[in-house]
């Protein structure tokens, strides 16, 4: 059974078998097996452009560029030892003496014998051995049993190489997967960071909108109170004119029994000036509201000035005289609470 038949019986592709045998110069099963396994993932080239590897180049060059058979190789070895004449004599005599005729090449470092120089060169490339000698030992052809055993060994070696290659590929795939997962993790962290920043930005925007709305409401309410005060003053002037009494706020003297007029009561003040201090400290807030405004409107005014105050949870108190205003007082007017014409409140 030829090397090609052995390789085909092992299940290799015929084109790859032909490529391996041609590329290795038909140096045997092991070189062909190494070539097939080493080029397993490569496409099969055009065989007309494939040349034998350099390991057999020396033997070919010695014979003028043509492949040498076993007799030519033996003759070349004899020429190297005895010279052209002795070699020719030994060849023509048919190898009468066993001490003269070299039938194989032996590696002095490991003791292996090879049928020709091409196989010896291949062994030197694979093992790094560089000491060879001629030998009279003849490389006997393999028996059928030995061929079967050799085939089993080659298959085991091929399986071992494939297992090593599969293990290396699995390790490379695992490393690539780890890199991919790390990249995905970095991307997810970046996305979470962007979401967090967007949420902070949105919360700040809502807080600013809330503050602007509170200020706008406070301004509207202040305008309403100003309109109420102006209407009250206009009604008071009209009433005074109808009754012939002095117009409130007028500088024109009117004859009236001033000495006997009663003192103006606090309930008659149309406006109340408030100074509101926060229990936590800071700049006080000052405003002027209608005396008919409720304590809740004071709370809404304060909430429009600072985000630290909530209308539903703020409470007010006075230090002089000491007094606390419960939630039930929020519906009462400043006049009813005795805060006119001016008062200082503590908000907490």
Protein backbone atom coordinates (compact mmCIF):
# COMPACT_ATOMS: atom_id res chain seq x y z
CA UNK A 1 0.00 0.00 0.00
CA UNK A 2 1.49 3.34 -1.11
CA UNK A 3 1.65 6.46 1.07
CA UNK A 4 -1.16 7.98 -1.01
CA UNK A 5 -3.40 4.94 -0.37
CA UNK A 6 -2.68 5.10 3.37
CA UNK A 7 -3.56 8.79 3.54
CA UNK A 8 -6.73 8.28 1.50
CA UNK A 9 -7.77 5.38 3.79
CA UNK A 10 -7.46 7.76 6.75
CA UNK A 11 -10.19 9.94 5.20
CA UNK A 12 -8.12 12.88 3.91
CA UNK A 13 -9.27 14.82 0.86
CA UNK A 14 -7.60 13.45 -2.33
CA UNK A 15 -6.60 16.94 -3.50
CA UNK A 16 -4.90 17.68 -0.15
CA UNK A 17 -3.15 14.29 -0.21
CA UNK A 18 -1.76 14.97 -3.68
CA UNK A 19 -0.72 18.48 -2.60
CA UNK A 20 1.06 17.17 0.51
CA UNK A 21 2.93 14.41 -1.34
CA UNK A 22 4.09 16.80 -4.05
CA UNK A 23 5.05 19.55 -1.60
CA UNK A 24 7.11 17.13 0.56
CA UNK A 25 8.71 15.38 -2.42
CA UNK A 26 7.18 12.00 -1.45
CA UNK A 27 9.46 11.75 1.57
CA UNK A 28 7.05 9.56 3.53
CA UNK A 29 3.86 9.46 5.56
CA UNK A 30 5.00 11.64 8.45
CA UNK A 31 6.06 14.67 6.34
CA UNK A 32 2.85 14.41 4.31
CA UNK A 33 0.77 14.15 7.53
CA UNK A 34 2.51 17.22 8.98
CA UNK A 35 1.86 19.16 5.78
CA UNK A 36 -1.86 18.23 5.72
CA UNK A 37 -2.40 19.14 9.39
CA UNK A 38 -0.33 22.33 9.13
CA UNK A 39 -2.31 23.55 6.10
CA UNK A 40 -5.72 22.30 7.21
CA UNK A 41 -7.34 25.73 7.02
CA UNK A 42 -5.60 26.86 3.81
CA UNK A 43 -7.12 26.45 0.31
CA UNK A 44 -5.56 23.90 -2.05
CA UNK A 45 -3.42 25.75 -4.62
CA UNK A 46 -2.87 24.94 -8.27
CA UNK A 47 -0.70 21.78 -8.13
CA UNK A 48 1.20 22.80 -11.27
CA UNK A 49 2.75 25.66 -9.30
CA UNK A 50 3.64 23.53 -6.24
CA UNK A 51 7.31 22.59 -5.83
CA UNK A 52 9.00 20.29 -3.34
CA UNK A 53 10.29 21.82 -0.09
CA UNK A 54 13.93 22.77 0.26
CA UNK A 55 14.73 19.72 2.36
CA UNK A 56 15.17 17.61 -0.77
CA UNK A 57 16.84 20.32 -2.79
CA UNK A 58 20.38 19.22 -1.93
CA UNK A 59 19.87 15.69 -3.17
CA UNK A 60 18.21 16.86 -6.36
CA UNK A 61 20.98 19.34 -7.11
CA UNK A 62 23.63 16.66 -6.72
CA UNK A 63 22.09 14.66 -9.56
CA UNK A 64 21.75 17.52 -11.99
CA UNK A 65 18.25 18.69 -10.98
CA UNK A 66 16.51 15.27 -11.46
CA UNK A 67 15.09 13.24 -8.52
CA UNK A 68 17.52 10.51 -7.40
CA UNK A 69 16.50 6.92 -6.80
CA UNK A 70 18.02 4.82 -4.03
CA UNK A 71 20.98 3.63 -6.14
CA UNK A 72 21.85 7.19 -7.12
CA UNK A 73 21.75 8.28 -3.47
CA UNK A 74 24.01 5.38 -2.43
CA UNK A 75 26.43 6.22 -5.21
CA UNK A 76 26.53 9.84 -4.15
CA UNK A 77 27.26 8.80 -0.56
CA UNK A 78 30.09 6.50 -1.71
CA UNK A 79 31.58 9.28 -3.81
CA UNK A 80 31.67 11.51 -0.72
CA UNK A 81 33.68 8.80 1.15
CA UNK A 82 35.86 7.05 -1.42
CA UNK A 83 35.95 9.45 -4.36
CA UNK A 84 34.61 8.91 -7.86
CA UNK A 85 36.73 5.84 -8.72
CA UNK A 86 36.15 3.86 -5.56
CA UNK A 87 32.50 4.62 -5.66
CA UNK A 88 32.18 3.47 -9.25
CA UNK A 89 34.06 0.27 -8.44
CA UNK A 90 31.94 -0.47 -5.47
CA UNK A 91 28.80 0.15 -7.51
CA UNK A 92 29.91 -1.98 -10.45
CA UNK A 93 30.90 -4.87 -8.18
CA UNK A 94 27.34 -4.95 -6.91
CA UNK A 95 28.40 -4.30 -3.33
CA UNK A 96 30.52 -7.40 -2.78
CA UNK A 97 31.68 -6.24 0.66
CA UNK A 98 29.21 -5.21 3.41
CA UNK A 99 31.81 -2.82 4.85
CA UNK A 100 31.88 -0.70 1.69
CA UNK A 101 28.28 -0.47 0.50
CA UNK A 102 26.12 2.07 2.41
CA UNK A 103 22.46 1.07 2.42
CA UNK A 104 21.11 3.78 4.73
CA UNK A 105 21.90 6.99 6.58
CA UNK A 106 22.04 6.92 10.38
CA UNK A 107 21.59 9.80 12.84
CA UNK A 108 24.51 9.65 15.26
CA UNK A 109 22.56 11.53 17.94
CA UNK A 110 19.39 9.45 18.16
CA UNK A 111 20.30 6.25 16.25
CA UNK A 112 17.48 6.41 13.71
CA UNK A 113 18.21 5.13 10.20
CA UNK A 114 16.79 6.57 7.01
CA UNK A 115 16.33 5.13 3.55
CA UNK A 116 17.64 8.17 1.66
CA UNK A 117 19.09 11.63 2.16
CA UNK A 118 15.72 13.35 1.67
CA UNK A 119 14.31 11.63 4.76
CA UNK A 120 17.52 12.36 6.66
CA UNK A 121 17.28 16.04 5.75
CA UNK A 122 13.65 16.13 6.88
CA UNK A 123 14.65 14.53 10.21
CA UNK A 124 17.37 17.17 10.62
CA UNK A 125 14.84 19.96 10.06
CA UNK A 126 12.36 18.50 12.55
CA UNK A 127 14.75 17.50 15.34
CA UNK A 128 17.66 19.91 14.91
CA UNK A 129 20.14 17.01 14.75
CA UNK A 130 23.15 17.65 12.52
CA UNK A 131 25.37 14.57 12.90
CA UNK A 132 24.72 11.76 10.38
CA UNK A 133 26.76 8.82 9.07
CA UNK A 134 26.39 6.14 6.45
CA UNK A 135 25.18 2.77 7.60
CA UNK A 136 25.19 -0.74 6.14
CA UNK A 137 21.87 -1.46 7.81
CA UNK A 138 19.10 -1.86 5.31
CA UNK A 139 15.74 -0.24 5.96
CA UNK A 140 13.41 -3.18 5.69
CA UNK A 141 9.99 -2.60 4.14
CA UNK A 142 7.09 -2.64 6.57
CA UNK A 143 4.98 -5.76 6.86
CA UNK A 144 1.20 -5.55 6.70
CA UNK A 145 0.99 -5.72 10.51
CA UNK A 146 3.62 -2.97 10.86
CA UNK A 147 1.78 -0.86 8.29
CA UNK A 148 -1.46 -1.23 10.25
CA UNK A 149 0.36 -0.34 13.47
CA UNK A 150 1.97 2.64 11.77
CA UNK A 151 -1.44 3.73 10.49
CA UNK A 152 -2.86 3.56 14.02
CA UNK A 153 0.05 5.60 15.37
CA UNK A 154 -0.39 8.20 12.64
CA UNK A 155 -4.10 8.47 13.38
CA UNK A 156 -3.41 8.85 17.11
CA UNK A 157 -0.82 11.50 16.40
CA UNK A 158 -3.22 13.29 14.08
CA UNK A 159 -5.97 13.17 16.71
CA UNK A 160 -3.57 14.50 19.34
CA UNK A 161 -2.56 17.40 17.08
CA UNK A 162 -6.19 18.16 16.33
CA UNK A 163 -7.01 18.08 20.06
CA UNK A 164 -4.17 20.52 20.79
CA UNK A 165 -5.33 22.78 17.99
CA UNK A 166 -8.94 22.62 19.22
CA UNK A 167 -7.78 23.46 22.74
CA UNK A 168 -5.81 26.47 21.46
CA UNK A 169 -8.81 27.63 19.43
CA UNK A 170 -11.09 27.25 22.48
CA UNK A 171 -8.64 29.27 24.56
CA UNK A 172 -8.49 31.98 21.90
CA UNK A 173 -12.29 32.03 21.66
CA UNK A 174 -12.52 32.36 25.44
CA UNK A 175 -10.09 35.28 25.40
CA UNK A 176 -12.07 36.95 22.60
CA UNK A 177 -15.31 36.41 24.54
CA UNK A 178 -13.76 38.00 27.64
CA UNK A 179 -12.70 41.01 25.57
CA UNK A 180 -16.20 41.25 24.07
CA UNK A 181 -17.86 41.09 27.49
CA UNK A 182 -15.53 43.72 28.92
CA UNK A 183 -16.30 46.01 25.98
CA UNK A 184 -20.03 45.45 26.51
CA UNK A 185 -19.67 46.17 30.23
CA UNK A 186 -17.82 49.43 29.53
CA UNK A 187 -20.54 50.47 27.07
CA UNK A 188 -23.29 49.70 29.63
CA UNK A 189 -21.49 51.71 32.30
CA UNK A 190 -21.17 54.62 29.88
CA UNK A 191 -24.89 54.42 29.08
CA UNK A 192 -25.80 54.36 32.79
CA UNK A 193 -23.58 57.39 33.41
CA UNK A 194 -25.29 59.27 30.57
CA UNK A 195 -28.74 58.35 31.95
CA UNK A 196 -27.76 59.54 35.44
CA UNK A 197 -26.51 62.88 34.11
CA UNK A 198 -29.69 63.32 32.05
CA UNK A 199 -31.84 62.55 35.11
CA UNK A 200 -29.93 65.14 37.19
CA UNK A 201 -30.30 67.68 34.42
CA UNK A 202 -34.04 66.98 34.12
CA UNK A 203 -34.53 67.29 37.90
CA UNK A 204 -32.70 70.62 37.91
CA UNK A 205 -34.90 71.80 35.05
CA UNK A 206 -38.10 70.80 36.90
CA UNK A 207 -36.86 72.52 40.09
CA UNK A 208 -36.17 75.73 38.17
CA UNK A 209 -39.59 75.57 36.50
CA UNK A 210 -41.22 75.08 39.89
CA UNK A 211 -39.40 78.09 41.32
CA UNK A 212 -40.35 80.21 38.30
CA UNK A 213 -43.99 79.15 38.62
CA UNK A 214 -44.00 80.00 42.33
CA UNK A 215 -42.53 83.43 41.65
CA UNK A 216 -45.08 84.05 38.91
CA UNK A 217 -47.96 83.05 41.20
CA UNK A 218 -46.60 85.30 43.95
CA UNK A 219 -46.34 88.22 41.51
CA UNK A 220 -49.91 87.65 40.30
CA UNK A 221 -51.20 87.52 43.86
CA UNK A 222 -49.29 90.66 44.77
CA UNK A 223 -50.86 92.42 41.78
CA UNK A 224 -54.31 91.21 42.87
CA UNK A 225 -53.70 92.56 46.36
CA UNK A 226 -52.54 95.87 44.92
CA UNK A 227 -55.71 96.05 42.85
CA UNK A 228 -57.80 95.27 45.93
CA UNK A 229 -56.05 98.00 47.91
CA UNK A 230 -56.55 100.53 45.10
CA UNK A 231 -60.25 99.68 44.87
CA UNK A 232 -60.63 99.96 48.65
CA UNK A 233 -58.94 103.37 48.64
CA UNK A 234 -61.13 104.54 45.76
CA UNK A 235 -64.27 103.35 47.54
CA UNK A 236 -63.15 105.09 50.74
CA UNK A 237 -62.59 108.37 48.89
CA UNK A 238 -65.96 108.16 47.18
CA UNK A 239 -67.67 107.44 50.49
CA UNK A 240 -65.90 110.35 52.18
CA UNK A 241 -66.95 112.68 49.39
CA UNK A 242 -70.56 111.56 49.63
CA UNK A 243 -70.64 112.07 53.38
CA UNK A 244 -68.67 115.33 53.31
CA UNK A 245 -65.82 113.87 55.33
CA UNK A 246 -62.12 114.39 54.72
CA UNK A 247 -60.75 112.30 51.89
CA UNK A 248 -58.30 109.69 53.25
CA UNK A 249 -54.74 110.63 52.36
CA UNK A 250 -55.69 114.24 51.40
CA UNK A 251 -53.59 117.14 52.73
CA UNK A 252 -56.47 119.63 52.55
CA UNK A 253 -57.52 120.61 56.12
CA UNK A 254 -61.15 120.02 56.88
CA UNK A 255 -62.91 121.55 59.84
CA UNK A 256 -63.60 118.77 62.21
CA UNK A 257 -63.68 118.28 65.92
CA UNK A 258 -60.16 116.84 65.87
CA UNK A 259 -59.56 117.06 69.63
CA UNK A 260 -62.53 114.87 70.32
CA UNK A 261 -61.89 112.35 67.45
CA UNK A 262 -61.13 108.84 68.67
CA UNK A 263 -57.68 107.31 67.97
CA UNK A 264 -57.50 105.14 64.84
CA UNK A 265 -57.74 101.47 65.76
CA UNK A 266 -55.33 98.89 64.37
CA UNK A 267 -58.21 97.23 62.57
CA UNK A 268 -58.54 100.25 60.28
CA UNK A 269 -55.12 99.75 58.60
CA UNK A 270 -55.73 98.59 55.00
CA UNK A 271 -52.20 97.16 54.61
CA UNK A 272 -49.83 95.16 56.75
CA UNK A 273 -46.05 95.23 56.41
CA UNK A 274 -44.42 91.89 57.23
CA UNK A 275 -40.83 90.86 57.84
CA UNK A 276 -40.39 87.07 57.64
CA UNK A 277 -37.30 85.36 59.01
CA UNK A 278 -36.39 81.70 58.51
CA UNK A 279 -35.67 79.67 61.62
CA UNK A 280 -32.62 78.25 59.81
CA UNK A 281 -31.21 81.76 59.38
CA UNK A 282 -30.40 83.79 56.31
CA UNK A 283 -31.67 87.01 54.73
CA UNK A 284 -35.18 88.03 55.90
CA UNK A 285 -38.00 88.54 53.39
CA UNK A 286 -40.09 91.74 53.51
CA UNK A 287 -43.47 92.31 51.87
CA UNK A 288 -46.60 94.44 52.17
CA UNK A 289 -49.95 92.64 51.91
CA UNK A 290 -53.54 93.63 52.39
CA UNK A 291 -54.71 93.37 55.97
CA UNK A 292 -57.47 91.11 54.63
CA UNK A 293 -54.93 88.63 53.24
CA UNK A 294 -54.83 85.24 54.96
CA UNK A 295 -51.84 83.65 56.64
CA UNK A 296 -51.83 81.02 53.85
CA UNK A 297 -51.14 83.78 51.33
CA UNK A 298 -48.12 84.73 53.43
CA UNK A 299 -46.95 81.11 53.21
CA UNK A 300 -47.44 81.11 49.42
CA UNK A 301 -45.46 84.34 49.12
CA UNK A 302 -42.58 82.82 51.10
CA UNK A 303 -42.68 79.60 49.06
CA UNK A 304 -42.34 81.69 45.92
CA UNK A 305 -39.13 83.24 47.26
CA UNK A 306 -37.26 80.08 48.34
CA UNK A 307 -37.46 76.35 47.60
CA UNK A 308 -36.69 75.59 51.25
CA UNK A 309 -40.30 76.39 52.19
CA UNK A 310 -43.34 74.26 51.36
CA UNK A 311 -46.83 75.80 51.74
CA UNK A 312 -48.28 72.62 53.22
CA UNK A 313 -45.64 72.13 55.91
CA UNK A 314 -44.44 75.62 56.90
CA UNK A 315 -45.44 77.06 60.29
CA UNK A 316 -45.27 80.63 61.68
CA UNK A 317 -44.62 82.09 65.11
CA UNK A 318 -43.97 85.43 66.84
CA UNK A 319 -41.33 86.18 69.45
CA UNK A 320 -42.83 89.45 70.75
CA UNK A 321 -45.36 88.69 71.95
CA UNK A 322 -44.53 84.96 71.94
CA UNK A 323 -47.18 83.22 69.91
CA UNK A 324 -47.41 80.24 67.57
CA UNK A 325 -49.96 80.08 64.75
CA UNK A 326 -51.49 76.60 64.19
CA UNK A 327 -52.64 75.36 60.78
CA UNK A 328 -56.18 76.41 61.58
CA UNK A 329 -55.01 80.09 61.58
CA UNK A 330 -53.93 79.85 57.92
CA UNK A 331 -57.49 80.67 56.83
CA UNK A 332 -57.68 83.78 59.06
CA UNK A 333 -56.74 87.29 57.90
CA UNK A 334 -53.81 89.29 59.14
CA UNK A 335 -56.28 91.73 60.67
CA UNK A 336 -57.99 88.94 62.62
CA UNK A 337 -54.64 87.62 63.83
CA UNK A 338 -53.63 91.07 65.13
CA UNK A 339 -50.64 91.41 62.82
CA UNK A 340 -51.54 94.89 61.49
CA UNK A 341 -50.04 97.35 60.75
CA UNK A 342 -46.67 95.50 60.89
CA UNK A 343 -45.25 92.30 62.34
CA UNK A 344 -42.20 90.06 62.39
CA UNK A 345 -42.83 86.33 61.73
CA UNK A 346 -40.51 83.35 62.20
CA UNK A 347 -41.04 80.60 59.57
CA UNK A 348 -39.99 77.01 60.23
